[in-house]
All heavy atoms as atom14 arrays in JSON, in Angstrom:
{
  "sequence": "RSDGGSTYYAHFAEGRFTISKDNTKSTLYLEMTNLTPEDTGVY",
  "atom14_mask": [
    [1, 1, 1, 1, 1, 1, 1, 1, 1, 1, 1, 0, 0, 0],
    [1, 1, 1, 1, 1, 1, 0, 0, 0, 0, 0, 0, 0, 0],
    [1, 1, 1, 1, 1, 1, 1, 1, 0, 0, 0, 0, 0, 0],
    [1, 1, 1, 1, 0, 0, 0, 0, 0, 0, 0, 0, 0, 0],
    [1, 1, 1, 1, 0, 0, 0, 0, 0, 0, 0, 0, 0, 0],
    [1, 1, 1, 1, 1, 1, 0, 0, 0, 0, 0, 0, 0, 0],
    [1, 1, 1, 1, 1, 1, 1, 0, 0, 0, 0, 0, 0, 0],
    [1, 1, 1, 1, 1, 1, 1, 1, 1, 1, 1, 1, 0, 0],
    [1, 1, 1, 1, 1, 1, 1, 1, 1, 1, 1, 1, 0, 0],
    [1, 1, 1, 1, 1, 0, 0, 0, 0, 0, 0, 0, 0, 0],
    [1, 1, 1, 1, 1, 1, 1, 1, 1, 1, 0, 0, 0, 0],
    [1, 1, 1, 1, 1, 1, 1, 1, 1, 1, 1, 0, 0, 0],
    [1, 1, 1, 1, 1, 0, 0, 0, 0, 0, 0, 0, 0, 0],
    [1, 1, 1, 1, 1, 1, 1, 1, 1, 0, 0, 0, 0, 0],
    [1, 1, 1, 1, 0, 0, 0, 0, 0, 0, 0, 0, 0, 0],
    [1, 1, 1, 1, 1, 1, 1, 1, 1, 1, 1, 0, 0, 0],
    [1, 1, 1, 1, 1, 1, 1, 1, 1, 1, 1, 0, 0, 0],
    [1, 1, 1, 1, 1, 1, 1, 0, 0, 0, 0, 0, 0, 0],
    [1, 1, 1, 1, 1, 1, 1, 1, 0, 0, 0, 0, 0, 0],
    [1, 1, 1, 1, 1, 1, 0, 0, 0, 0, 0, 0, 0, 0],
    [1, 1, 1, 1, 1, 1, 1, 1, 1, 0, 0, 0, 0, 0],
    [1, 1, 1, 1, 1, 1, 1, 1, 0, 0, 0, 0, 0, 0],
    [1, 1, 1, 1, 1, 1, 1, 1, 0, 0, 0, 0, 0, 0],
    [1, 1, 1, 1, 1, 1, 1, 0, 0, 0, 0, 0, 0, 0],
    [1, 1, 1, 1, 1, 1, 1, 1, 1, 0, 0, 0, 0, 0],
    [1, 1, 1, 1, 1, 1, 0, 0, 0, 0, 0, 0, 0, 0],
    [1, 1, 1, 1, 1, 1, 1, 0, 0, 0, 0, 0, 0, 0],
    [1, 1, 1, 1, 1, 1, 1, 1, 0, 0, 0, 0, 0, 0],
    [1, 1, 1, 1, 1, 1, 1, 1, 1, 1, 1, 1, 0, 0],
    [1, 1, 1, 1, 1, 1, 1, 1, 0, 0, 0, 0, 0, 0],
    [1, 1, 1, 1, 1, 1, 1, 1, 1, 0, 0, 0, 0, 0],
    [1, 1, 1, 1, 1, 1, 1, 1, 0, 0, 0, 0, 0, 0],
    [1, 1, 1, 1, 1, 1, 1, 0, 0, 0, 0, 0, 0, 0],
    [1, 1, 1, 1, 1, 1, 1, 1, 0, 0, 0, 0, 0, 0],
    [1, 1, 1, 1, 1, 1, 1, 1, 0, 0, 0, 0, 0, 0],
    [1, 1, 1, 1, 1, 1, 1, 0, 0, 0, 0, 0, 0, 0],
    [1, 1, 1, 1, 1, 1, 1, 0, 0, 0, 0, 0, 0, 0],
    [1, 1, 1, 1, 1, 1, 1, 1, 1, 0, 0, 0, 0, 0],
    [1, 1, 1, 1, 1, 1, 1, 1, 0, 0, 0, 0, 0, 0],
    [1, 1, 1, 1, 1, 1, 1, 0, 0, 0, 0, 0, 0, 0],
    [1, 1, 1, 1, 0, 0, 0, 0, 0, 0, 0, 0, 0, 0],
    [1, 1, 1, 1, 1, 1, 1, 0, 0, 0, 0, 0, 0, 0],
    [1, 1, 1, 1, 1, 1, 1, 1, 1, 1, 1, 1, 0, 0]
  ],
  "atom14_positions": [
    [[-76.33, 69.47, -43.62], [-75.69, 68.41, -42.95], [-76.68, 67.64, -42.11], [-77.67, 68.12, -41.68], [-74.54, 68.96, -42.06], [-73.71, 68.0, -41.33], [-72.7, 68.76, -40.47], [-72.11, 67.99, -39.37], [-70.91, 67.42, -39.42], [-70.13, 67.57, -40.49], [-70.49, 66.71, -38.4], [0.0, 0.0, 0.0], [0.0, 0.0, 0.0], [0.0, 0.0, 0.0]],
    [[-76.35, 66.34, -41.84], [-77.3, 65.48, -41.13], [-77.7, 66.06, -39.75], [-78.89, 65.95, -39.38], [-76.72, 64.06, -40.87], [-75.5, 64.16, -40.16], [0.0, 0.0, 0.0], [0.0, 0.0, 0.0], [0.0, 0.0, 0.0], [0.0, 0.0, 0.0], [0.0, 0.0, 0.0], [0.0, 0.0, 0.0], [0.0, 0.0, 0.0], [0.0, 0.0, 0.0]],
    [[-76.82, 66.7, -39.06], [-77.12, 67.31, -37.76], [-77.6, 68.74, -37.85], [-77.85, 69.4, -36.85], [-75.97, 67.21, -36.81], [-74.75, 68.02, -37.21], [-74.8, 68.66, -38.31], [-73.73, 68.04, -36.51], [0.0, 0.0, 0.0], [0.0, 0.0, 0.0], [0.0, 0.0, 0.0], [0.0, 0.0, 0.0], [0.0, 0.0, 0.0], [0.0, 0.0, 0.0]],
    [[-77.73, 69.24, -39.05], [-78.2, 70.6, -39.28], [-77.18, 71.65, -39.07], [-77.47, 72.87, -39.11], [0.0, 0.0, 0.0], [0.0, 0.0, 0.0], [0.0, 0.0, 0.0], [0.0, 0.0, 0.0], [0.0, 0.0, 0.0], [0.0, 0.0, 0.0], [0.0, 0.0, 0.0], [0.0, 0.0, 0.0], [0.0, 0.0, 0.0], [0.0, 0.0, 0.0]],
    [[-75.9, 71.28, -38.83], [-74.88, 72.21, -38.46], [-74.3, 73.06, -39.53], [-73.72, 74.12, -39.28], [0.0, 0.0, 0.0], [0.0, 0.0, 0.0], [0.0, 0.0, 0.0], [0.0, 0.0, 0.0], [0.0, 0.0, 0.0], [0.0, 0.0, 0.0], [0.0, 0.0, 0.0], [0.0, 0.0, 0.0], [0.0, 0.0, 0.0], [0.0, 0.0, 0.0]],
    [[-74.43, 72.61, -40.79], [-73.86, 73.3, -41.92], [-74.89, 73.28, -43.07], [-75.64, 72.32, -43.22], [-72.55, 72.71, -42.39], [-71.59, 72.74, -41.34], [0.0, 0.0, 0.0], [0.0, 0.0, 0.0], [0.0, 0.0, 0.0], [0.0, 0.0, 0.0], [0.0, 0.0, 0.0], [0.0, 0.0, 0.0], [0.0, 0.0, 0.0], [0.0, 0.0, 0.0]],
    [[-74.89, 74.3, -43.88], [-75.73, 74.39, -45.05], [-74.98, 74.89, -46.22], [-73.9, 75.5, -46.13], [-76.92, 75.35, -44.77], [-76.43, 76.66, -44.42], [-77.79, 74.85, -43.6], [0.0, 0.0, 0.0], [0.0, 0.0, 0.0], [0.0, 0.0, 0.0], [0.0, 0.0, 0.0], [0.0, 0.0, 0.0], [0.0, 0.0, 0.0], [0.0, 0.0, 0.0]],
    [[-75.52, 74.62, -47.42], [-74.92, 75.07, -48.65], [-76.03, 75.39, -49.63], [-77.04, 74.64, -49.7], [-74.02, 73.95, -49.2], [-73.35, 74.3, -50.49], [-72.29, 75.17, -50.57], [-73.79, 73.71, -51.72], [-71.69, 75.54, -51.75], [-73.18, 74.07, -52.9], [-72.11, 74.95, -52.92], [-71.56, 75.22, -54.09], [0.0, 0.0, 0.0], [0.0, 0.0, 0.0]],
    [[-75.84, 76.48, -50.39], [-76.92, 76.99, -51.28], [-76.42, 77.14, -52.7], [-75.28, 77.52, -52.94], [-77.45, 78.31, -50.79], [-78.14, 78.25, -49.45], [-77.42, 78.42, -48.24], [-79.48, 77.96, -49.36], [-78.05, 78.37, -47.03], [-80.13, 77.93, -48.13], [-79.38, 78.13, -46.97], [-80.01, 78.03, -45.72], [0.0, 0.0, 0.0], [0.0, 0.0, 0.0]],
    [[-77.34, 76.92, -53.64], [-77.11, 77.34, -55.01], [-77.06, 78.82, -55.05], [-77.6, 79.53, -54.19], [-78.27, 76.84, -55.93], [0.0, 0.0, 0.0], [0.0, 0.0, 0.0], [0.0, 0.0, 0.0], [0.0, 0.0, 0.0], [0.0, 0.0, 0.0], [0.0, 0.0, 0.0], [0.0, 0.0, 0.0], [0.0, 0.0, 0.0], [0.0, 0.0, 0.0]],
    [[-76.39, 79.37, -56.05], [-76.2, 80.81, -56.13], [-77.5, 81.54, -56.11], [-77.66, 82.58, -55.43], [-75.38, 81.17, -57.4], [-75.13, 82.62, -57.53], [-75.94, 83.43, -58.3], [-74.21, 83.44, -56.96], [-75.43, 84.68, -58.24], [-74.39, 84.72, -57.46], [0.0, 0.0, 0.0], [0.0, 0.0, 0.0], [0.0, 0.0, 0.0], [0.0, 0.0, 0.0]],
    [[-78.48, 81.03, -56.87], [-79.77, 81.77, -56.99], [-80.51, 81.81, -55.67], [-81.41, 82.58, -55.42], [-80.65, 81.18, -58.06], [-81.11, 79.77, -57.8], [-82.23, 79.53, -56.97], [-80.51, 78.69, -58.39], [-82.69, 78.28, -56.75], [-80.96, 77.42, -58.19], [-82.05, 77.2, -57.37], [0.0, 0.0, 0.0], [0.0, 0.0, 0.0], [0.0, 0.0, 0.0]],
    [[-80.16, 80.84, -54.77], [-80.92, 80.72, -53.49], [-80.21, 81.45, -52.36], [-80.89, 81.79, -51.35], [-81.06, 79.25, -53.11], [0.0, 0.0, 0.0], [0.0, 0.0, 0.0], [0.0, 0.0, 0.0], [0.0, 0.0, 0.0], [0.0, 0.0, 0.0], [0.0, 0.0, 0.0], [0.0, 0.0, 0.0], [0.0, 0.0, 0.0], [0.0, 0.0, 0.0]],
    [[-78.96, 81.74, -52.45], [-78.17, 82.37, -51.45], [-78.79, 83.74, -51.1], [-79.04, 84.56, -51.9], [-76.7, 82.52, -51.88], [-75.86, 83.22, -50.85], [-75.62, 82.33, -49.59], [-75.47, 81.08, -49.78], [-75.62, 82.82, -48.48], [0.0, 0.0, 0.0], [0.0, 0.0, 0.0], [0.0, 0.0, 0.0], [0.0, 0.0, 0.0], [0.0, 0.0, 0.0]],
    [[-79.06, 83.89, -49.79], [-79.62, 85.14, -49.28], [-81.11, 85.27, -49.38], [-81.66, 86.2, -48.78], [0.0, 0.0, 0.0], [0.0, 0.0, 0.0], [0.0, 0.0, 0.0], [0.0, 0.0, 0.0], [0.0, 0.0, 0.0], [0.0, 0.0, 0.0], [0.0, 0.0, 0.0], [0.0, 0.0, 0.0], [0.0, 0.0, 0.0], [0.0, 0.0, 0.0]],
    [[-81.75, 84.37, -50.12], [-83.23, 84.4, -50.21], [-83.88, 83.15, -49.56], [-84.96, 83.27, -49.04], [-83.61, 84.48, -51.65], [-83.23, 85.77, -52.4], [-83.94, 85.92, -53.7], [-83.69, 84.79, -54.63], [-84.58, 84.07, -55.23], [-85.87, 84.3, -55.0], [-84.23, 83.09, -56.03], [0.0, 0.0, 0.0], [0.0, 0.0, 0.0], [0.0, 0.0, 0.0]],
    [[-83.22, 82.01, -49.75], [-83.82, 80.79, -49.2], [-83.05, 80.32, -47.98], [-81.83, 80.54, -47.85], [-83.72, 79.65, -50.28], [-84.54, 79.93, -51.52], [-85.28, 81.04, -51.7], [-84.54, 78.93, -52.52], [-86.0, 81.23, -52.84], [-85.29, 79.13, -53.68], [-86.05, 80.25, -53.84], [0.0, 0.0, 0.0], [0.0, 0.0, 0.0], [0.0, 0.0, 0.0]],
    [[-83.74, 79.64, -47.08], [-83.14, 79.11, -45.88], [-83.56, 77.65, -45.72], [-84.73, 77.37, -45.67], [-83.52, 79.88, -44.64], [-83.09, 81.26, -44.77], [-82.83, 79.27, -43.41], [0.0, 0.0, 0.0], [0.0, 0.0, 0.0], [0.0, 0.0, 0.0], [0.0, 0.0, 0.0], [0.0, 0.0, 0.0], [0.0, 0.0, 0.0], [0.0, 0.0, 0.0]],
    [[-82.59, 76.75, -45.65], [-82.88, 75.36, -45.42], [-82.6, 75.07, -43.94], [-81.62, 75.54, -43.37], [-81.97, 74.42, -46.31], [-82.4, 72.97, -46.11], [-80.5, 74.62, -46.05], [-81.7, 72.02, -47.08], [0.0, 0.0, 0.0], [0.0, 0.0, 0.0], [0.0, 0.0, 0.0], [0.0, 0.0, 0.0], [0.0, 0.0, 0.0], [0.0, 0.0, 0.0]],
    [[-83.49, 74.27, -43.33], [-83.35, 73.94, -41.95], [-83.95, 72.57, -41.71], [-84.73, 72.09, -42.5], [-83.94, 74.98, -40.99], [-85.33, 75.09, -41.24], [0.0, 0.0, 0.0], [0.0, 0.0, 0.0], [0.0, 0.0, 0.0], [0.0, 0.0, 0.0], [0.0, 0.0, 0.0], [0.0, 0.0, 0.0], [0.0, 0.0, 0.0], [0.0, 0.0, 0.0]],
    [[-83.61, 71.97, -40.58], [-84.28, 70.69, -40.25], [-84.38, 70.54, -38.78], [-83.62, 71.09, -37.98], [-83.42, 69.54, -40.82], [-82.04, 69.38, -40.24], [-81.14, 68.3, -40.91], [-81.83, 67.05, -41.25], [-80.94, 65.9, -41.32], [0.0, 0.0, 0.0], [0.0, 0.0, 0.0], [0.0, 0.0, 0.0], [0.0, 0.0, 0.0], [0.0, 0.0, 0.0]],
    [[-85.45, 69.84, -38.4], [-85.69, 69.54, -36.98], [-85.71, 68.06, -36.9], [-86.69, 67.34, -37.21], [-87.08, 70.13, -36.57], [-87.37, 69.9, -35.1], [-86.72, 69.03, -34.49], [-88.27, 70.56, -34.55], [0.0, 0.0, 0.0], [0.0, 0.0, 0.0], [0.0, 0.0, 0.0], [0.0, 0.0, 0.0], [0.0, 0.0, 0.0], [0.0, 0.0, 0.0]],
    [[-84.59, 67.48, -36.46], [-84.47, 66.04, -36.44], [-85.36, 65.35, -35.41], [-85.73, 64.2, -35.59], [-83.02, 65.63, -36.12], [-82.08, 65.96, -37.28], [-82.53, 66.13, -38.41], [-80.79, 66.03, -37.0], [0.0, 0.0, 0.0], [0.0, 0.0, 0.0], [0.0, 0.0, 0.0], [0.0, 0.0, 0.0], [0.0, 0.0, 0.0], [0.0, 0.0, 0.0]],
    [[-85.79, 66.07, -34.35], [-86.7, 65.51, -33.39], [-88.05, 65.3, -33.96], [-88.83, 64.45, -33.51], [-86.77, 66.37, -32.14], [-87.41, 67.62, -32.46], [-85.43, 66.61, -31.56], [0.0, 0.0, 0.0], [0.0, 0.0, 0.0], [0.0, 0.0, 0.0], [0.0, 0.0, 0.0], [0.0, 0.0, 0.0], [0.0, 0.0, 0.0], [0.0, 0.0, 0.0]],
    [[-88.39, 66.07, -35.02], [-89.72, 65.95, -35.7], [-89.56, 65.3, -37.06], [-90.55, 65.19, -37.74], [-90.36, 67.3, -35.84], [-90.71, 67.98, -34.53], [-91.37, 69.35, -34.77], [-91.7, 70.01, -33.43], [-92.33, 71.32, -33.7], [0.0, 0.0, 0.0], [0.0, 0.0, 0.0], [0.0, 0.0, 0.0], [0.0, 0.0, 0.0], [0.0, 0.0, 0.0]],
    [[-88.37, 64.91, -37.4], [-88.07, 64.35, -38.75], [-88.68, 65.25, -39.84], [-89.35, 64.73, -40.75], [-88.62, 62.95, -38.86], [-87.96, 62.08, -38.01], [0.0, 0.0, 0.0], [0.0, 0.0, 0.0], [0.0, 0.0, 0.0], [0.0, 0.0, 0.0], [0.0, 0.0, 0.0], [0.0, 0.0, 0.0], [0.0, 0.0, 0.0], [0.0, 0.0, 0.0]],
    [[-88.36, 66.53, -39.74], [-88.9, 67.49, -40.67], [-87.84, 68.35, -41.28], [-86.96, 68.87, -40.56], [-89.98, 68.36, -40.01], [-91.02, 67.55, -39.45], [-90.61, 69.29, -41.01], [0.0, 0.0, 0.0], [0.0, 0.0, 0.0], [0.0, 0.0, 0.0], [0.0, 0.0, 0.0], [0.0, 0.0, 0.0], [0.0, 0.0, 0.0], [0.0, 0.0, 0.0]],
    [[-87.87, 68.52, -42.55], [-86.97, 69.41, -43.32], [-87.81, 70.56, -43.83], [-88.92, 70.36, -44.32], [-86.3, 68.61, -44.45], [-85.4, 69.37, -45.4], [-84.05, 69.7, -44.69], [-85.19, 68.67, -46.7], [0.0, 0.0, 0.0], [0.0, 0.0, 0.0], [0.0, 0.0, 0.0], [0.0, 0.0, 0.0], [0.0, 0.0, 0.0], [0.0, 0.0, 0.0]],
    [[-87.2, 71.76, -43.83], [-87.9, 72.92, -44.27], [-87.08, 73.67, -45.3], [-85.84, 73.67, -45.34], [-88.12, 73.93, -43.11], [-88.94, 73.38, -41.96], [-88.28, 72.82, -40.84], [-90.3, 73.4, -41.97], [-88.94, 72.34, -39.77], [-91.02, 72.84, -40.92], [-90.38, 72.4, -39.81], [-91.06, 71.85, -38.75], [0.0, 0.0, 0.0], [0.0, 0.0, 0.0]],
    [[-87.79, 74.38, -46.21], [-87.19, 75.34, -47.07], [-88.03, 76.59, -47.0], [-89.19, 76.61, -47.44], [-87.08, 74.87, -48.49], [-86.36, 75.81, -49.47], [-84.92, 75.94, -49.12], [-86.56, 75.39, -50.92], [0.0, 0.0, 0.0], [0.0, 0.0, 0.0], [0.0, 0.0, 0.0], [0.0, 0.0, 0.0], [0.0, 0.0, 0.0], [0.0, 0.0, 0.0]],
    [[-87.48, 77.65, -46.44], [-88.16, 78.95, -46.37], [-87.62, 79.84, -47.5], [-86.43, 80.0, -47.62], [-87.98, 79.59, -45.05], [-88.56, 78.8, -43.87], [-88.43, 79.51, -42.55], [-88.3, 80.74, -42.54], [-88.53, 78.83, -41.5], [0.0, 0.0, 0.0], [0.0, 0.0, 0.0], [0.0, 0.0, 0.0], [0.0, 0.0, 0.0], [0.0, 0.0, 0.0]],
    [[-88.53, 80.32, -48.31], [-88.19, 81.1, -49.49], [-88.76, 82.53, -49.33], [-89.92, 82.67, -49.03], [-88.74, 80.42, -50.74], [-88.17, 79.05, -50.95], [-89.01, 78.17, -52.32], [-90.54, 77.72, -51.48], [0.0, 0.0, 0.0], [0.0, 0.0, 0.0], [0.0, 0.0, 0.0], [0.0, 0.0, 0.0], [0.0, 0.0, 0.0], [0.0, 0.0, 0.0]],
    [[-87.93, 83.5, -49.58], [-88.35, 84.87, -49.51], [-87.97, 85.59, -50.81], [-87.16, 85.12, -51.59], [-87.73, 85.62, -48.31], [-86.3, 85.65, -48.47], [-88.07, 84.92, -47.04], [0.0, 0.0, 0.0], [0.0, 0.0, 0.0], [0.0, 0.0, 0.0], [0.0, 0.0, 0.0], [0.0, 0.0, 0.0], [0.0, 0.0, 0.0], [0.0, 0.0, 0.0]],
    [[-88.6, 86.74, -51.04], [-88.31, 87.57, -52.2], [-88.43, 86.74, -53.5], [-87.54, 86.8, -54.34], [-86.91, 88.25, -52.12], [-86.77, 89.36, -53.08], [-87.75, 89.98, -53.58], [-85.51, 89.66, -53.43], [0.0, 0.0, 0.0], [0.0, 0.0, 0.0], [0.0, 0.0, 0.0], [0.0, 0.0, 0.0], [0.0, 0.0, 0.0], [0.0, 0.0, 0.0]],
    [[-89.49, 86.0, -53.58], [-89.66, 85.05, -54.69], [-89.9, 85.79, -56.0], [-90.48, 86.9, -56.01], [-90.82, 84.14, -54.4], [-90.53, 83.09, -53.34], [-91.83, 82.51, -52.79], [-89.68, 81.96, -53.9], [0.0, 0.0, 0.0], [0.0, 0.0, 0.0], [0.0, 0.0, 0.0], [0.0, 0.0, 0.0], [0.0, 0.0, 0.0], [0.0, 0.0, 0.0]],
    [[-89.49, 85.17, -57.12], [-89.62, 85.69, -58.43], [-90.34, 84.63, -59.24], [-90.33, 83.44, -58.91], [-88.34, 86.09, -59.08], [-87.6, 84.93, -59.42], [-87.52, 86.94, -58.15], [0.0, 0.0, 0.0], [0.0, 0.0, 0.0], [0.0, 0.0, 0.0], [0.0, 0.0, 0.0], [0.0, 0.0, 0.0], [0.0, 0.0, 0.0], [0.0, 0.0, 0.0]],
    [[-90.95, 85.01, -60.38], [-91.55, 84.04, -61.26], [-90.6, 82.9, -61.69], [-91.0, 81.76, -61.93], [-92.06, 84.82, -62.46], [-92.33, 86.12, -61.9], [-91.27, 86.37, -60.88], [0.0, 0.0, 0.0], [0.0, 0.0, 0.0], [0.0, 0.0, 0.0], [0.0, 0.0, 0.0], [0.0, 0.0, 0.0], [0.0, 0.0, 0.0], [0.0, 0.0, 0.0]],
    [[-89.26, 83.24, -61.76], [-88.29, 82.19, -62.12], [-88.13, 81.11, -61.08], [-87.51, 80.07, -61.32], [-86.9, 82.9, -62.36], [-86.89, 83.7, -63.67], [-87.75, 84.97, -63.64], [-87.79, 85.59, -62.55], [-88.33, 85.28, -64.7], [0.0, 0.0, 0.0], [0.0, 0.0, 0.0], [0.0, 0.0, 0.0], [0.0, 0.0, 0.0], [0.0, 0.0, 0.0]],
    [[-88.64, 81.36, -59.88], [-88.61, 80.35, -58.8], [-89.73, 79.33, -58.94], [-89.76, 78.36, -58.18], [-88.67, 81.01, -57.42], [-87.48, 81.86, -57.12], [-86.33, 81.39, -57.43], [-87.66, 82.99, -56.59], [0.0, 0.0, 0.0], [0.0, 0.0, 0.0], [0.0, 0.0, 0.0], [0.0, 0.0, 0.0], [0.0, 0.0, 0.0], [0.0, 0.0, 0.0]],
    [[-90.65, 79.55, -59.89], [-91.75, 78.63, -60.07], [-91.26, 77.23, -60.44], [-90.33, 77.12, -61.29], [-92.7, 79.14, -61.13], [-93.32, 80.35, -60.66], [-93.8, 78.13, -61.49], [0.0, 0.0, 0.0], [0.0, 0.0, 0.0], [0.0, 0.0, 0.0], [0.0, 0.0, 0.0], [0.0, 0.0, 0.0], [0.0, 0.0, 0.0], [0.0, 0.0, 0.0]],
    [[-91.83, 76.21, -59.84], [-91.43, 74.85, -60.2], [-91.91, 73.85, -59.16], [-92.56, 74.28, -58.14], [0.0, 0.0, 0.0], [0.0, 0.0, 0.0], [0.0, 0.0, 0.0], [0.0, 0.0, 0.0], [0.0, 0.0, 0.0], [0.0, 0.0, 0.0], [0.0, 0.0, 0.0], [0.0, 0.0, 0.0], [0.0, 0.0, 0.0], [0.0, 0.0, 0.0]],
    [[-91.59, 72.64, -59.33], [-91.83, 71.55, -58.37], [-90.59, 71.42, -57.52], [-89.5, 71.08, -58.02], [-92.22, 70.23, -59.04], [-92.39, 69.17, -58.0], [-93.48, 70.45, -59.83], [0.0, 0.0, 0.0], [0.0, 0.0, 0.0], [0.0, 0.0, 0.0], [0.0, 0.0, 0.0], [0.0, 0.0, 0.0], [0.0, 0.0, 0.0], [0.0, 0.0, 0.0]],
    [[-90.73, 71.58, -56.22], [-89.64, 71.45, -55.27], [-89.7, 70.09, -54.63], [-90.73, 69.63, -54.17], [-89.72, 72.57, -54.22], [-89.28, 73.9, -54.8], [-90.07, 74.57, -55.69], [-88.07, 74.46, -54.35], [-89.63, 75.79, -56.23], [-87.67, 75.71, -54.88], [-88.47, 76.34, -55.84], [-88.03, 77.56, -56.32], [0.0, 0.0, 0.0], [0.0, 0.0, 0.0]]
  ]
}
């Protein structure tokens, strides 16, 4: 969500990836854990 208050994930990302944003820095993040070769790609 624009204010960062709510998030939604694809099934494959749920529990492994975390989306967050810092609006004061105009920065969006995606933290990925427990990565597998199937996660390879251009994000």
